[in-house]
Amino acid sequence: MSIPKYAVGQVVYCVMNKKNQVYPMMITEVITKRTLDGETIQYMLQAGSDSSTTIMLDKLDGEVFDSADIVVDTLTQRFTSQIRRIAHNATVKAEEWYGKSRNLEQADQIPATAYPSARPESFDVDANVVPVVMPDGSVANVKIPVGSISEDLFKR
């Protein structure tokens, strides 16, 4: 005789396939069926606080976990993997489109002289104009309305 995976009264956590939610459900019944072909075990779950709202575990459209901690660990691992895959794909595209991928550490190593008009001494204090280096490397002078930025930013 096989030992049931879940016990009556045990709370399990269901990650639904079609909804981005986790539902706690309680095992209310363990149904063991023995036939000439062998033994099958089915579980009845109570969904929510109404004891009349039940569903068979095998009819549930989702994954069942023994604890909320396991849900957190599993979903974190999946999301982290997906984020890494997205970042990797972006790196591949950067190599394909631009022939290289420049990370933040490499961008920080660009000397300040590469953008001479972006240096603080080039600020037009009287006109409240601030140079901004654009993603393509060009420099745009942006006029900032008086009072919108602390005056300390314009002091030399």
C-alpha atoms as a PDB file:
ATOM      1  CA  MET A   1       0.000   0.000   0.000  1.00  0.00           C
ATOM      2  CA  SER A   2       1.422   3.410  -0.948  1.00  0.00           C
ATOM      3  CA  ILE A   3       1.586   6.262   1.529  1.00  0.00           C
ATOM      4  CA  PRO A   4      -0.463   9.325   0.529  1.00  0.00           C
ATOM      5  CA  LYS A   5       1.582  12.371  -0.444  1.00  0.00           C
ATOM      6  CA  TYR A   6      -0.812  14.717   1.339  1.00  0.00           C
ATOM      7  CA  ALA A   7      -2.689  14.331   4.614  1.00  0.00           C
ATOM      8  CA  VAL A   8      -6.251  15.325   5.431  1.00  0.00           C
ATOM      9  CA  GLY A   9      -6.198  18.809   6.945  1.00  0.00           C
ATOM     10  CA  GLN A  10      -2.919  19.745   5.263  1.00  0.00           C
ATOM     11  CA  VAL A  11      -2.818  23.176   3.604  1.00  0.00           C
ATOM     12  CA  VAL A  12      -1.230  23.229   0.164  1.00  0.00           C
ATOM     13  CA  TYR A  13      -0.474  26.193  -2.077  1.00  0.00           C
ATOM     14  CA  CYS A  14      -1.701  26.193  -5.664  1.00  0.00           C
ATOM     15  CA  VAL A  15      -0.033  28.328  -8.320  1.00  0.00           C
ATOM     16  CA  MET A  16      -2.708  28.733 -10.941  1.00  0.00           C
ATOM     17  CA  ASN A  17      -1.752  28.392 -14.619  1.00  0.00           C
ATOM     18  CA  LYS A  18      -4.118  31.025 -16.023  1.00  0.00           C
ATOM     19  CA  LYS A  19      -3.929  33.526 -13.164  1.00  0.00           C
ATOM     20  CA  ASN A  20      -0.909  35.124 -11.613  1.00  0.00           C
ATOM     21  CA  GLN A  21      -2.005  34.059  -8.136  1.00  0.00           C
ATOM     22  CA  VAL A  22      -1.274  31.554  -5.412  1.00  0.00           C
ATOM     23  CA  TYR A  23      -4.249  30.037  -3.593  1.00  0.00           C
ATOM     24  CA  PRO A  24      -4.042  28.198  -0.292  1.00  0.00           C
ATOM     25  CA  MET A  25      -6.241  25.106  -0.309  1.00  0.00           C
ATOM     26  CA  MET A  26      -6.838  22.422   2.267  1.00  0.00           C
ATOM     27  CA  ILE A  27      -6.867  18.669   1.690  1.00  0.00           C
ATOM     28  CA  THR A  28     -10.308  17.609   2.921  1.00  0.00           C
ATOM     29  CA  GLU A  29     -10.404  14.057   1.681  1.00  0.00           C
ATOM     30  CA  VAL A  30      -8.038  11.324   0.524  1.00  0.00           C
ATOM     31  CA  ILE A  31      -9.726   8.774  -1.715  1.00  0.00           C
ATOM     32  CA  THR A  32      -7.860   5.489  -2.108  1.00  0.00           C
ATOM     33  CA  LYS A  33      -9.096   3.153  -4.808  1.00  0.00           C
ATOM     34  CA  ARG A  34      -7.757  -0.402  -5.080  1.00  0.00           C
ATOM     35  CA  THR A  35      -8.461  -2.444  -8.180  1.00  0.00           C
ATOM     36  CA  LEU A  36      -6.932  -5.399  -9.946  1.00  0.00           C
ATOM     37  CA  ASP A  37      -4.813  -2.884 -11.867  1.00  0.00           C
ATOM     38  CA  GLY A  38      -3.405  -1.355  -8.707  1.00  0.00           C
ATOM     39  CA  GLU A  39      -4.060   1.470  -6.317  1.00  0.00           C
ATOM     40  CA  THR A  40      -4.874   5.096  -7.097  1.00  0.00           C
ATOM     41  CA  ILE A  41      -5.073   7.981  -4.671  1.00  0.00           C
ATOM     42  CA  GLN A  42      -7.119  11.100  -5.297  1.00  0.00           C
ATOM     43  CA  TYR A  43      -7.335  14.236  -3.195  1.00  0.00           C
ATOM     44  CA  MET A  44     -10.267  16.551  -2.603  1.00  0.00           C
ATOM     45  CA  LEU A  45      -9.336  20.194  -1.948  1.00  0.00           C
ATOM     46  CA  GLN A  46     -11.345  22.894  -0.215  1.00  0.00           C
ATOM     47  CA  ALA A  47     -10.933  26.180  -2.045  1.00  0.00           C
ATOM     48  CA  GLY A  48     -11.529  29.158   0.240  1.00  0.00           C
ATOM     49  CA  SER A  49     -13.383  29.383   3.528  1.00  0.00           C
ATOM     50  CA  ASP A  50     -16.615  27.804   2.235  1.00  0.00           C
ATOM     51  CA  SER A  51     -16.370  24.084   2.971  1.00  0.00           C
ATOM     52  CA  SER A  52     -18.780  23.315   0.119  1.00  0.00           C
ATOM     53  CA  THR A  53     -16.345  24.732  -2.456  1.00  0.00           C
ATOM     54  CA  THR A  54     -14.236  21.716  -3.352  1.00  0.00           C
ATOM     55  CA  ILE A  55     -12.242  20.498  -6.325  1.00  0.00           C
ATOM     56  CA  MET A  56     -10.401  17.306  -7.128  1.00  0.00           C
ATOM     57  CA  LEU A  57      -6.643  17.819  -7.169  1.00  0.00           C
ATOM     58  CA  ASP A  58      -6.290  16.210 -10.601  1.00  0.00           C
ATOM     59  CA  LYS A  59      -8.848  18.697 -12.030  1.00  0.00           C
ATOM     60  CA  LEU A  60      -6.933  21.722 -10.721  1.00  0.00           C
ATOM     61  CA  ASP A  61      -5.371  23.876 -13.451  1.00  0.00           C
ATOM     62  CA  GLY A  62      -2.147  24.666 -11.639  1.00  0.00           C
ATOM     63  CA  GLU A  63       0.777  23.385  -9.613  1.00  0.00           C
ATOM     64  CA  VAL A  64       0.518  22.299  -5.998  1.00  0.00           C
ATOM     65  CA  PHE A  65       3.236  22.947  -3.418  1.00  0.00           C
ATOM     66  CA  ASP A  66       3.578  21.785   0.180  1.00  0.00           C
ATOM     67  CA  SER A  67       4.476  25.205   1.563  1.00  0.00           C
ATOM     68  CA  ALA A  68       4.477  28.897   0.704  1.00  0.00           C
ATOM     69  CA  ASP A  69       8.274  28.915   1.097  1.00  0.00           C
ATOM     70  CA  ILE A  70       8.606  26.327  -1.663  1.00  0.00           C
ATOM     71  CA  VAL A  71       6.325  28.479  -3.853  1.00  0.00           C
ATOM     72  CA  VAL A  72       8.560  31.510  -3.251  1.00  0.00           C
ATOM     73  CA  ASP A  73      11.739  29.551  -3.989  1.00  0.00           C
ATOM     74  CA  THR A  74      10.318  27.940  -7.133  1.00  0.00           C
ATOM     75  CA  LEU A  75       8.841  31.139  -8.587  1.00  0.00           C
ATOM     76  CA  THR A  76      11.965  33.155  -7.732  1.00  0.00           C
ATOM     77  CA  GLN A  77      14.118  30.592  -9.516  1.00  0.00           C
ATOM     78  CA  ARG A  78      11.848  30.667 -12.581  1.00  0.00           C
ATOM     79  CA  PHE A  79      11.658  34.467 -12.721  1.00  0.00           C
ATOM     80  CA  THR A  80      15.410  34.808 -12.235  1.00  0.00           C
ATOM     81  CA  SER A  81      15.998  32.339 -15.041  1.00  0.00           C
ATOM     82  CA  GLN A  82      13.615  34.251 -17.316  1.00  0.00           C
ATOM     83  CA  ILE A  83      15.245  37.607 -16.485  1.00  0.00           C
ATOM     84  CA  ARG A  84      18.685  36.144 -17.205  1.00  0.00           C
ATOM     85  CA  ARG A  85      17.411  34.814 -20.531  1.00  0.00           C
ATOM     86  CA  ILE A  86      15.995  38.253 -21.453  1.00  0.00           C
ATOM     87  CA  ALA A  87      19.267  39.989 -20.504  1.00  0.00           C
ATOM     88  CA  HIS A  88      21.293  37.413 -22.439  1.00  0.00           C
ATOM     89  CA  ASN A  89      19.110  37.927 -25.525  1.00  0.00           C
ATOM     90  CA  ALA A  90      19.653  41.690 -25.237  1.00  0.00           C
ATOM     91  CA  THR A  91      23.423  41.146 -25.068  1.00  0.00           C
ATOM     92  CA  VAL A  92      23.279  38.954 -28.172  1.00  0.00           C
ATOM     93  CA  LYS A  93      21.303  41.658 -29.984  1.00  0.00           C
ATOM     94  CA  ALA A  94      23.816  44.324 -28.888  1.00  0.00           C
ATOM     95  CA  GLU A  95      26.630  42.227 -30.357  1.00  0.00           C
ATOM     96  CA  GLU A  96      24.619  41.680 -33.555  1.00  0.00           C
ATOM     97  CA  TRP A  97      23.470  45.279 -34.004  1.00  0.00           C
ATOM     98  CA  TYR A  98      26.460  47.218 -32.722  1.00  0.00           C
ATOM     99  CA  GLY A  99      29.320  44.737 -32.983  1.00  0.00           C
ATOM    100  CA  LYS A 100      29.962  44.896 -29.258  1.00  0.00           C
ATOM    101  CA  SER A 101      28.197  45.062 -25.955  1.00  0.00           C
ATOM    102  CA  ARG A 102      29.239  47.783 -23.573  1.00  0.00           C
ATOM    103  CA  ASN A 103      28.376  47.256 -19.946  1.00  0.00           C
ATOM    104  CA  LEU A 104      28.172  49.937 -17.256  1.00  0.00           C
ATOM    105  CA  GLU A 105      31.709  49.310 -16.014  1.00  0.00           C
ATOM    106  CA  GLN A 106      33.064  49.925 -19.509  1.00  0.00           C
ATOM    107  CA  ALA A 107      30.925  53.066 -19.929  1.00  0.00           C
ATOM    108  CA  ASP A 108      32.295  54.451 -16.645  1.00  0.00           C
ATOM    109  CA  GLN A 109      35.819  54.146 -18.068  1.00  0.00           C
ATOM    110  CA  ILE A 110      35.117  56.621 -20.862  1.00  0.00           C
ATOM    111  CA  PRO A 111      37.249  59.693 -20.086  1.00  0.00           C
ATOM    112  CA  ALA A 112      35.438  62.932 -19.287  1.00  0.00           C
ATOM    113  CA  THR A 113      37.323  64.575 -22.152  1.00  0.00           C
ATOM    114  CA  ALA A 114      35.375  62.405 -24.586  1.00  0.00           C
ATOM    115  CA  TYR A 115      32.448  64.773 -24.048  1.00  0.00           C
ATOM    116  CA  PRO A 116      34.081  68.166 -23.452  1.00  0.00           C
ATOM    117  CA  SER A 117      30.832  70.131 -23.487  1.00  0.00           C
ATOM    118  CA  ALA A 118      29.388  67.880 -20.763  1.00  0.00           C
ATOM    119  CA  ARG A 119      31.921  68.996 -18.149  1.00  0.00           C
ATOM    120  CA  PRO A 120      30.576  71.124 -15.248  1.00  0.00           C
ATOM    121  CA  GLU A 121      32.682  74.147 -16.260  1.00  0.00           C
ATOM    122  CA  SER A 122      30.671  74.325 -19.500  1.00  0.00           C
ATOM    123  CA  PHE A 123      27.369  75.006 -17.693  1.00  0.00           C
ATOM    124  CA  ASP A 124      25.792  78.308 -18.624  1.00  0.00           C
ATOM    125  CA  VAL A 125      24.843  79.324 -15.084  1.00  0.00           C
ATOM    126  CA  ASP A 126      23.055  82.503 -16.097  1.00  0.00           C
ATOM    127  CA  ALA A 127      20.811  80.820 -18.666  1.00  0.00           C
ATOM    128  CA  ASN A 128      20.221  77.683 -16.523  1.00  0.00           C
ATOM    129  CA  VAL A 129      21.425  75.516 -19.396  1.00  0.00           C
ATOM    130  CA  VAL A 130      22.711  72.046 -18.583  1.00  0.00           C
ATOM    131  CA  PRO A 131      24.481  69.816 -21.114  1.00  0.00           C
ATOM    132  CA  VAL A 132      23.056  66.286 -21.327  1.00  0.00           C
ATOM    133  CA  VAL A 133      24.893  63.449 -23.049  1.00  0.00           C
ATOM    134  CA  MET A 134      22.427  61.556 -25.232  1.00  0.00           C
ATOM    135  CA  PRO A 135      22.569  57.755 -25.768  1.00  0.00           C
ATOM    136  CA  ASP A 136      24.183  58.212 -29.201  1.00  0.00           C
ATOM    137  CA  GLY A 137      27.002  60.306 -27.666  1.00  0.00           C
ATOM    138  CA  SER A 138      25.792  63.675 -28.854  1.00  0.00           C
ATOM    139  CA  VAL A 139      25.373  66.487 -26.328  1.00  0.00           C
ATOM    140  CA  ALA A 140      22.144  68.451 -25.971  1.00  0.00           C
ATOM    141  CA  ASN A 141      21.922  71.694 -24.006  1.00  0.00           C
ATOM    142  CA  VAL A 142      18.771  71.594 -21.899  1.00  0.00           C
ATOM    143  CA  LYS A 143      17.350  74.797 -20.445  1.00  0.00           C
ATOM    144  CA  ILE A 144      16.065  74.254 -16.921  1.00  0.00           C
ATOM    145  CA  PRO A 145      13.374  76.664 -15.645  1.00  0.00           C
ATOM    146  CA  VAL A 146      14.520  78.772 -12.683  1.00  0.00           C
ATOM    147  CA  GLY A 147      13.548  77.245  -9.350  1.00  0.00           C
ATOM    148  CA  SER A 148      13.031  73.719 -10.669  1.00  0.00           C
ATOM    149  CA  ILE A 149      16.512  72.595  -9.652  1.00  0.00           C
ATOM    150  CA  SER A 150      18.401  73.561  -6.547  1.00  0.00           C
ATOM    151  CA  GLU A 151      20.661  76.565  -7.118  1.00  0.00           C
ATOM    152  CA  ASP A 152      23.521  74.481  -5.652  1.00  0.00           C
ATOM    153  CA  LEU A 153      23.667  72.519  -8.892  1.00  0.00           C
ATOM    154  CA  PHE A 154      24.675  75.635 -10.794  1.00  0.00           C
ATOM    155  CA  LYS A 155      27.395  76.789  -8.371  1.00  0.00           C
ATOM    156  CA  ARG A 156      30.981  76.229  -9.417  1.00  0.00           C
END
